[in-house]
Each structure stands twice: as C-alpha cells, then as structure tokens.
Amino acid sequence: MSNNLMKRSVNRSKKVRDFSPFSEVKFLAEVSNINWNEITSLPNMNTDKLFSKFYNKLNKVVNTHVPFKAVSKCRVRQLSKP
C-alpha cells in the first residue's frame, strides 16, 4: 500500500455504534410497532426488493437506538491493534 493511501485512510474519522443510551425494552417496542404488512403484502416484489425494504425499516430503528459516534484518534489506534 502506498504512503498516500495509508495517510488518507488514517485521516478519515472512524465511527462506531454508541450503545450507552441503548434500552432493549424501547428497541423491542419500536420493532414490534413496525407495520410489517406493508412489506409482505406488496404484490409482484422480488426477494431483493423485499429484503431491502425490511433492512431499511429495521436499520432506521437501529440507528435511532444505537447511533454512530465519532471516535478519537487515540481510540482508533486502540481499535486497530489486535
């Protein structure tokens, strides 16, 4: 890998999921309130489109309850070590 490419990848900010505000009860409640019939009742949908709709709905809930958070340079170094 060239030095230029390595420098660019190091300078990018790294983001990880922040589980500190996570509440399993609230998460499960919101997932159970999703209207899954909107997805399953769509006529003539192929599997890829159905999965995409499912993923997008679930991902919105996950992003709400476990948002991404920027990580400091020091923490990036810690995460990169085995």
PDB file of N, CA and C in Angstrom:
ATOM      1  N   MET A   1       0.858  -1.181   0.000  1.00  0.00           N
ATOM      2  CA  MET A   1       0.000   0.000   0.000  1.00  0.00           C
ATOM      3  C   MET A   1       0.898   1.235   0.000  1.00  0.00           C
ATOM      4  N   SER A   2       0.564   2.187  -0.808  1.00  0.00           N
ATOM      5  CA  SER A   2       1.371   3.396  -0.879  1.00  0.00           C
ATOM      6  C   SER A   2       1.155   4.267   0.357  1.00  0.00           C
ATOM      7  N   ASN A   3       2.136   5.118   0.647  1.00  0.00           N
ATOM      8  CA  ASN A   3       2.042   6.007   1.805  1.00  0.00           C
ATOM      9  C   ASN A   3       0.858   6.948   1.704  1.00  0.00           C
ATOM     10  N   ASN A   4       0.584   7.451   0.481  1.00  0.00           N
ATOM     11  CA  ASN A   4      -0.535   8.360   0.281  1.00  0.00           C
ATOM     12  C   ASN A   4      -1.856   7.707   0.681  1.00  0.00           C
ATOM     13  N   LEU A   5      -2.048   6.483   0.248  1.00  0.00           N
ATOM     14  CA  LEU A   5      -3.286   5.765   0.544  1.00  0.00           C
ATOM     15  C   LEU A   5      -3.398   5.482   2.041  1.00  0.00           C
ATOM     16  N   MET A   6      -2.288   5.140   2.668  1.00  0.00           N
ATOM     17  CA  MET A   6      -2.298   4.876   4.105  1.00  0.00           C
ATOM     18  C   MET A   6      -2.643   6.145   4.879  1.00  0.00           C
ATOM     19  N   LYS A   7      -2.088   7.282   4.478  1.00  0.00           N
ATOM     20  CA  LYS A   7      -2.361   8.545   5.159  1.00  0.00           C
ATOM     21  C   LYS A   7      -3.832   8.908   5.041  1.00  0.00           C
ATOM     22  N   ARG A   8      -4.405   8.715   3.860  1.00  0.00           N
ATOM     23  CA  ARG A   8      -5.808   9.049   3.650  1.00  0.00           C
ATOM     24  C   ARG A   8      -6.714   8.196   4.529  1.00  0.00           C
ATOM     25  N   SER A   9      -6.426   6.905   4.645  1.00  0.00           N
ATOM     26  CA  SER A   9      -7.284   6.036   5.444  1.00  0.00           C
ATOM     27  C   SER A   9      -7.138   6.329   6.934  1.00  0.00           C
ATOM     28  N   VAL A  10      -5.968   6.797   7.364  1.00  0.00           N
ATOM     29  CA  VAL A  10      -5.756   7.128   8.770  1.00  0.00           C
ATOM     30  C   VAL A  10      -6.467   8.432   9.115  1.00  0.00           C
ATOM     31  N   ASN A  11      -6.507   9.388   8.181  1.00  0.00           N
ATOM     32  CA  ASN A  11      -7.099  10.685   8.449  1.00  0.00           C
ATOM     33  C   ASN A  11      -8.627  10.670   8.480  1.00  0.00           C
ATOM     34  N   ARG A  12      -9.248   9.665   7.924  1.00  0.00           N
ATOM     35  CA  ARG A  12     -10.701   9.588   7.948  1.00  0.00           C
ATOM     36  C   ARG A  12     -11.169   9.351   9.371  1.00  0.00           C
ATOM     37  N   SER A  13     -12.274   9.978   9.712  1.00  0.00           N
ATOM     38  CA  SER A  13     -12.789   9.750  11.059  1.00  0.00           C
ATOM     39  C   SER A  13     -13.492   8.401  11.108  1.00  0.00           C
ATOM     40  N   LYS A  14     -13.287   7.719  12.164  1.00  0.00           N
ATOM     41  CA  LYS A  14     -13.864   6.395  12.352  1.00  0.00           C
ATOM     42  C   LYS A  14     -15.107   6.546  13.213  1.00  0.00           C
ATOM     43  N   LYS A  15     -16.140   5.796  12.892  1.00  0.00           N
ATOM     44  CA  LYS A  15     -17.373   5.852  13.667  1.00  0.00           C
ATOM     45  C   LYS A  15     -17.733   4.449  14.135  1.00  0.00           C
ATOM     46  N   VAL A  16     -18.231   4.389  15.345  1.00  0.00           N
ATOM     47  CA  VAL A  16     -18.680   3.130  15.926  1.00  0.00           C
ATOM     48  C   VAL A  16     -20.062   3.337  16.531  1.00  0.00           C
ATOM     49  N   ARG A  17     -20.757   2.257  16.787  1.00  0.00           N
ATOM     50  CA  ARG A  17     -22.075   2.354  17.405  1.00  0.00           C
ATOM     51  C   ARG A  17     -21.928   2.709  18.879  1.00  0.00           C
ATOM     52  N   ASP A  18     -22.775   3.627  19.342  1.00  0.00           N
ATOM     53  CA  ASP A  18     -22.775   4.065  20.735  1.00  0.00           C
ATOM     54  C   ASP A  18     -23.923   3.360  21.462  1.00  0.00           C
ATOM     55  N   PHE A  19     -23.587   2.350  22.259  1.00  0.00           N
ATOM     56  CA  PHE A  19     -24.592   1.570  22.966  1.00  0.00           C
ATOM     57  C   PHE A  19     -24.951   2.152  24.332  1.00  0.00           C
ATOM     58  N   SER A  20     -24.353   3.272  24.705  1.00  0.00           N
ATOM     59  CA  SER A  20     -24.611   3.811  26.042  1.00  0.00           C
ATOM     60  C   SER A  20     -26.072   4.201  26.267  1.00  0.00           C
ATOM     61  N   PRO A  21     -26.791   4.771  25.274  1.00  0.00           N
ATOM     62  CA  PRO A  21     -28.191   5.104  25.552  1.00  0.00           C
ATOM     63  C   PRO A  21     -29.156   3.962  25.226  1.00  0.00           C
ATOM     64  N   PHE A  22     -28.646   2.771  24.891  1.00  0.00           N
ATOM     65  CA  PHE A  22     -29.498   1.681  24.413  1.00  0.00           C
ATOM     66  C   PHE A  22     -30.415   1.150  25.502  1.00  0.00           C
ATOM     67  N   SER A  23     -31.687   1.004  25.138  1.00  0.00           N
ATOM     68  CA  SER A  23     -32.673   0.382  26.011  1.00  0.00           C
ATOM     69  C   SER A  23     -33.323  -0.743  25.219  1.00  0.00           C
ATOM     70  N   GLU A  24     -33.105  -1.963  25.654  1.00  0.00           N
ATOM     71  CA  GLU A  24     -33.642  -3.123  24.947  1.00  0.00           C
ATOM     72  C   GLU A  24     -35.168  -3.080  24.900  1.00  0.00           C
ATOM     73  N   VAL A  25     -35.787  -2.642  25.978  1.00  0.00           N
ATOM     74  CA  VAL A  25     -37.248  -2.590  26.050  1.00  0.00           C
ATOM     75  C   VAL A  25     -37.794  -1.613  25.003  1.00  0.00           C
ATOM     76  N   LYS A  26     -37.211  -0.422  24.926  1.00  0.00           N
ATOM     77  CA  LYS A  26     -37.670   0.572  23.949  1.00  0.00           C
ATOM     78  C   LYS A  26     -37.408   0.110  22.519  1.00  0.00           C
ATOM     79  N   PHE A  27     -36.247  -0.513  22.303  1.00  0.00           N
ATOM     80  CA  PHE A  27     -35.906  -1.020  20.980  1.00  0.00           C
ATOM     81  C   PHE A  27     -36.909  -2.068  20.522  1.00  0.00           C
ATOM     82  N   LEU A  28     -37.171  -3.051  21.374  1.00  0.00           N
ATOM     83  CA  LEU A  28     -38.105  -4.114  21.018  1.00  0.00           C
ATOM     84  C   LEU A  28     -39.524  -3.582  20.833  1.00  0.00           C
ATOM     85  N   ALA A  29     -39.892  -2.593  21.621  1.00  0.00           N
ATOM     86  CA  ALA A  29     -41.219  -1.992  21.476  1.00  0.00           C
ATOM     87  C   ALA A  29     -41.354  -1.319  20.116  1.00  0.00           C
ATOM     88  N   GLU A  30     -40.325  -0.606  19.707  1.00  0.00           N
ATOM     89  CA  GLU A  30     -40.396   0.075  18.411  1.00  0.00           C
ATOM     90  C   GLU A  30     -40.385  -0.924  17.257  1.00  0.00           C
ATOM     91  N   VAL A  31     -39.588  -1.986  17.380  1.00  0.00           N
ATOM     92  CA  VAL A  31     -39.565  -3.018  16.335  1.00  0.00           C
ATOM     93  C   VAL A  31     -40.929  -3.706  16.238  1.00  0.00           C
ATOM     94  N   SER A  32     -41.533  -3.962  17.365  1.00  0.00           N
ATOM     95  CA  SER A  32     -42.840  -4.635  17.334  1.00  0.00           C
ATOM     96  C   SER A  32     -43.937  -3.724  16.783  1.00  0.00           C
ATOM     97  N   ASN A  33     -43.736  -2.410  16.790  1.00  0.00           N
ATOM     98  CA  ASN A  33     -44.722  -1.475  16.247  1.00  0.00           C
ATOM     99  C   ASN A  33     -44.574  -1.232  14.748  1.00  0.00           C
ATOM    100  N   ILE A  34     -43.548  -1.805  14.136  1.00  0.00           N
ATOM    101  CA  ILE A  34     -43.363  -1.648  12.691  1.00  0.00           C
ATOM    102  C   ILE A  34     -44.467  -2.420  11.977  1.00  0.00           C
ATOM    103  N   ASN A  35     -45.057  -1.790  10.977  1.00  0.00           N
ATOM    104  CA  ASN A  35     -46.101  -2.441  10.195  1.00  0.00           C
ATOM    105  C   ASN A  35     -45.439  -3.311   9.119  1.00  0.00           C
ATOM    106  N   TRP A  36     -45.218  -4.581   9.449  1.00  0.00           N
ATOM    107  CA  TRP A  36     -44.549  -5.486   8.516  1.00  0.00           C
ATOM    108  C   TRP A  36     -45.463  -5.860   7.350  1.00  0.00           C
ATOM    109  N   ASN A  37     -46.774  -5.671   7.498  1.00  0.00           N
ATOM    110  CA  ASN A  37     -47.705  -5.979   6.412  1.00  0.00           C
ATOM    111  C   ASN A  37     -47.466  -5.101   5.197  1.00  0.00           C
ATOM    112  N   GLU A  38     -46.944  -3.903   5.407  1.00  0.00           N
ATOM    113  CA  GLU A  38     -46.599  -3.031   4.279  1.00  0.00           C
ATOM    114  C   GLU A  38     -45.609  -3.712   3.346  1.00  0.00           C
ATOM    115  N   ILE A  39     -44.729  -4.506   3.924  1.00  0.00           N
ATOM    116  CA  ILE A  39     -43.701  -5.184   3.133  1.00  0.00           C
ATOM    117  C   ILE A  39     -44.247  -6.490   2.567  1.00  0.00           C
ATOM    118  N   THR A  40     -44.844  -7.307   3.402  1.00  0.00           N
ATOM    119  CA  THR A  40     -45.250  -8.647   2.979  1.00  0.00           C
ATOM    120  C   THR A  40     -46.447  -8.647   2.040  1.00  0.00           C
ATOM    121  N   SER A  41     -47.238  -7.601   2.048  1.00  0.00           N
ATOM    122  CA  SER A  41     -48.432  -7.587   1.196  1.00  0.00           C
ATOM    123  C   SER A  41     -48.198  -6.953  -0.173  1.00  0.00           C
ATOM    124  N   LEU A  42     -46.982  -6.534  -0.454  1.00  0.00           N
ATOM    125  CA  LEU A  42     -46.702  -5.915  -1.747  1.00  0.00           C
ATOM    126  C   LEU A  42     -46.721  -6.980  -2.849  1.00  0.00           C
ATOM    127  N   PRO A  43     -47.526  -6.762  -3.885  1.00  0.00           N
ATOM    128  CA  PRO A  43     -47.599  -7.762  -4.962  1.00  0.00           C
ATOM    129  C   PRO A  43     -46.407  -7.663  -5.906  1.00  0.00           C
ATOM    130  N   ASN A  44     -46.040  -8.775  -6.464  1.00  0.00           N
ATOM    131  CA  ASN A  44     -45.004  -8.852  -7.502  1.00  0.00           C
ATOM    132  C   ASN A  44     -43.662  -8.251  -7.081  1.00  0.00           C
ATOM    133  N   MET A  45     -43.294  -8.428  -5.830  1.00  0.00           N
ATOM    134  CA  MET A  45     -41.988  -7.938  -5.371  1.00  0.00           C
ATOM    135  C   MET A  45     -41.005  -9.097  -5.368  1.00  0.00           C
ATOM    136  N   ASN A  46     -39.805  -8.846  -5.873  1.00  0.00           N
ATOM    137  CA  ASN A  46     -38.804  -9.906  -5.818  1.00  0.00           C
ATOM    138  C   ASN A  46     -38.132  -9.911  -4.445  1.00  0.00           C
ATOM    139  N   THR A  47     -37.407 -10.933  -4.176  1.00  0.00           N
ATOM    140  CA  THR A  47     -36.790 -11.134  -2.864  1.00  0.00           C
ATOM    141  C   THR A  47     -35.821 -10.013  -2.508  1.00  0.00           C
ATOM    142  N   ASP A  48     -35.056  -9.546  -3.466  1.00  0.00           N
ATOM    143  CA  ASP A  48     -34.083  -8.487  -3.204  1.00  0.00           C
ATOM    144  C   ASP A  48     -34.760  -7.195  -2.742  1.00  0.00           C
ATOM    145  N   LYS A  49     -35.843  -6.836  -3.412  1.00  0.00           N
ATOM    146  CA  LYS A  49     -36.559  -5.617  -3.032  1.00  0.00           C
ATOM    147  C   LYS A  49     -37.233  -5.766  -1.673  1.00  0.00           C
ATOM    148  N   LEU A  50     -37.789  -6.951  -1.416  1.00  0.00           N
ATOM    149  CA  LEU A  50     -38.415  -7.192  -0.117  1.00  0.00           C
ATOM    150  C   LEU A  50     -37.392  -7.089   1.011  1.00  0.00           C
ATOM    151  N   PHE A  51     -36.232  -7.717   0.800  1.00  0.00           N
ATOM    152  CA  PHE A  51     -35.199  -7.644   1.825  1.00  0.00           C
ATOM    153  C   PHE A  51     -34.725  -6.210   2.012  1.00  0.00           C
ATOM    154  N   SER A  52     -34.575  -5.479   0.935  1.00  0.00           N
ATOM    155  CA  SER A  52     -34.134  -4.090   1.025  1.00  0.00           C
ATOM    156  C   SER A  52     -35.112  -3.260   1.854  1.00  0.00           C
ATOM    157  N   LYS A  53     -36.403  -3.434   1.629  1.00  0.00           N
ATOM    158  CA  LYS A  53     -37.411  -2.710   2.405  1.00  0.00           C
ATOM    159  C   LYS A  53     -37.365  -3.115   3.878  1.00  0.00           C
ATOM    160  N   PHE A  54     -37.222  -4.424   4.135  1.00  0.00           N
ATOM    161  CA  PHE A  54     -37.104  -4.925   5.502  1.00  0.00           C
ATOM    162  C   PHE A  54     -35.880  -4.312   6.181  1.00  0.00           C
ATOM    163  N   TYR A  55     -34.743  -4.365   5.507  1.00  0.00           N
ATOM    164  CA  TYR A  55     -33.492  -3.851   6.058  1.00  0.00           C
ATOM    165  C   TYR A  55     -33.587  -2.359   6.369  1.00  0.00           C
ATOM    166  N   ASN A  56     -34.159  -1.598   5.447  1.00  0.00           N
ATOM    167  CA  ASN A  56     -34.265  -0.152   5.645  1.00  0.00           C
ATOM    168  C   ASN A  56     -35.131   0.190   6.855  1.00  0.00           C
ATOM    169  N   LYS A  57     -36.248  -0.518   7.020  1.00  0.00           N
ATOM    170  CA  LYS A  57     -37.112  -0.266   8.178  1.00  0.00           C
ATOM    171  C   LYS A  57     -36.390  -0.597   9.480  1.00  0.00           C
ATOM    172  N   LEU A  58     -35.745  -1.755   9.514  1.00  0.00           N
ATOM    173  CA  LEU A  58     -35.045  -2.179  10.725  1.00  0.00           C
ATOM    174  C   LEU A  58     -33.836  -1.295  11.002  1.00  0.00           C
ATOM    175  N   ASN A  59     -33.133  -0.899   9.964  1.00  0.00           N
ATOM    176  CA  ASN A  59     -31.946  -0.057  10.121  1.00  0.00           C
ATOM    177  C   ASN A  59     -32.304   1.317  10.691  1.00  0.00           C
ATOM    178  N   LYS A  60     -33.456   1.864  10.322  1.00  0.00           N
ATOM    179  CA  LYS A  60     -33.900   3.143  10.891  1.00  0.00           C
ATOM    180  C   LYS A  60     -34.046   3.037  12.404  1.00  0.00           C
ATOM    181  N   VAL A  61     -34.623   1.930  12.860  1.00  0.00           N
ATOM    182  CA  VAL A  61     -34.817   1.733  14.297  1.00  0.00           C
ATOM    183  C   VAL A  61     -33.467   1.562  14.989  1.00  0.00           C
ATOM    184  N   VAL A  62     -32.588   0.780  14.394  1.00  0.00           N
ATOM    185  CA  VAL A  62     -31.257   0.565  14.979  1.00  0.00           C
ATOM    186  C   VAL A  62     -30.509   1.895  15.060  1.00  0.00           C
ATOM    187  N   ASN A  63     -30.551   2.702  13.996  1.00  0.00           N
ATOM    188  CA  ASN A  63     -29.853   3.990  14.004  1.00  0.00           C
ATOM    189  C   ASN A  63     -30.420   4.942  15.046  1.00  0.00           C
ATOM    190  N   THR A  64     -31.705   4.823  15.334  1.00  0.00           N
ATOM    191  CA  THR A  64     -32.324   5.660  16.353  1.00  0.00           C
ATOM    192  C   THR A  64     -31.845   5.273  17.750  1.00  0.00           C
ATOM    193  N   HIS A  65     -31.785   3.979  18.018  1.00  0.00           N
ATOM    194  CA  HIS A  65     -31.475   3.499  19.366  1.00  0.00           C
ATOM    195  C   HIS A  65     -29.983   3.266  19.618  1.00  0.00           C
ATOM    196  N   VAL A  66     -29.222   3.016  18.570  1.00  0.00           N
ATOM    197  CA  VAL A  66     -27.779   2.791  18.708  1.00  0.00           C
ATOM    198  C   VAL A  66     -27.083   3.622  17.629  1.00  0.00           C
ATOM    199  N   PRO A  67     -26.992   4.931  17.841  1.00  0.00           N
ATOM    200  CA  PRO A  67     -26.440   5.816  16.805  1.00  0.00           C
ATOM    201  C   PRO A  67     -24.923   5.659  16.647  1.00  0.00           C
ATOM    202  N   PHE A  68     -24.432   6.108  15.503  1.00  0.00           N
ATOM    203  CA  PHE A  68     -22.987   6.143  15.287  1.00  0.00           C
ATOM    204  C   PHE A  68     -22.398   7.330  16.026  1.00  0.00           C
ATOM    205  N   LYS A  69     -21.157   7.152  16.474  1.00  0.00           N
ATOM    206  CA  LYS A  69     -20.450   8.203  17.207  1.00  0.00           C
ATOM    207  C   LYS A  69     -19.020   8.245  16.687  1.00  0.00           C
ATOM    208  N   ALA A  70     -18.506   9.443  16.477  1.00  0.00           N
ATOM    209  CA  ALA A  70     -17.123   9.596  16.026  1.00  0.00           C
ATOM    210  C   ALA A  70     -16.174   9.164  17.141  1.00  0.00           C
ATOM    211  N   VAL A  71     -15.080   8.536  16.747  1.00  0.00           N
ATOM    212  CA  VAL A  71     -14.109   8.022  17.709  1.00  0.00           C
ATOM    213  C   VAL A  71     -12.834   8.856  17.621  1.00  0.00           C
ATOM    214  N   SER A  72     -12.213   9.108  18.751  1.00  0.00           N
ATOM    215  CA  SER A  72     -10.981   9.894  18.787  1.00  0.00           C
ATOM    216  C   SER A  72      -9.836   9.137  18.103  1.00  0.00           C
ATOM    217  N   LYS A  73      -8.805   9.880  17.731  1.00  0.00           N
ATOM    218  CA  LYS A  73      -7.646   9.260  17.079  1.00  0.00           C
ATOM    219  C   LYS A  73      -6.996   8.219  17.977  1.00  0.00           C
ATOM    220  N   CYS A  74      -6.957   8.506  19.258  1.00  0.00           N
ATOM    221  CA  CYS A  74      -6.372   7.565  20.215  1.00  0.00           C
ATOM    222  C   CYS A  74      -7.176   6.262  20.228  1.00  0.00           C
ATOM    223  N   ARG A  75      -8.483   6.383  20.233  1.00  0.00           N
ATOM    224  CA  ARG A  75      -9.355   5.199  20.262  1.00  0.00           C
ATOM    225  C   ARG A  75      -9.255   4.421  18.951  1.00  0.00           C
ATOM    226  N   VAL A  76      -9.064   5.128  17.835  1.00  0.00           N
ATOM    227  CA  VAL A  76      -8.885   4.451  16.541  1.00  0.00           C
ATOM    228  C   VAL A  76      -7.643   3.585  16.589  1.00  0.00           C
ATOM    229  N   ARG A  77      -6.573   4.125  17.161  1.00  0.00           N
ATOM    230  CA  ARG A  77      -5.336   3.351  17.295  1.00  0.00           C
ATOM    231  C   ARG A  77      -5.556   2.125  18.161  1.00  0.00           C
ATOM    232  N   GLN A  78      -6.299   2.264  19.246  1.00  0.00           N
ATOM    233  CA  GLN A  78      -6.585   1.137  20.127  1.00  0.00           C
ATOM    234  C   GLN A  78      -7.402   0.080  19.408  1.00  0.00           C
ATOM    235  N   LEU A  79      -8.371   0.502  18.619  1.00  0.00           N
ATOM    236  CA  LEU A  79      -9.231  -0.439  17.903  1.00  0.00           C
ATOM    237  C   LEU A  79      -8.476  -1.169  16.793  1.00  0.00           C
ATOM    238  N   SER A  80      -7.428  -0.545  16.263  1.00  0.00           N
ATOM    239  CA  SER A  80      -6.694  -1.156  15.155  1.00  0.00           C
ATOM    240  C   SER A  80      -5.709  -2.224  15.630  1.00  0.00           C
ATOM    241  N   LYS A  81      -5.408  -2.257  16.910  1.00  0.00           N
ATOM    242  CA  LYS A  81      -4.453  -3.240  17.424  1.00  0.00           C
ATOM    243  C   LYS A  81      -5.174  -4.543  17.749  1.00  0.00           C
ATOM    244  N   PRO A  82      -4.508  -5.676  17.475  1.00  0.00           N
ATOM    245  CA  PRO A  82      -5.132  -6.959  17.761  1.00  0.00           C
ATOM    246  C   PRO A  82      -5.233  -7.247  19.244  1.00  0.00           C
TER     247      PRO A  82
END
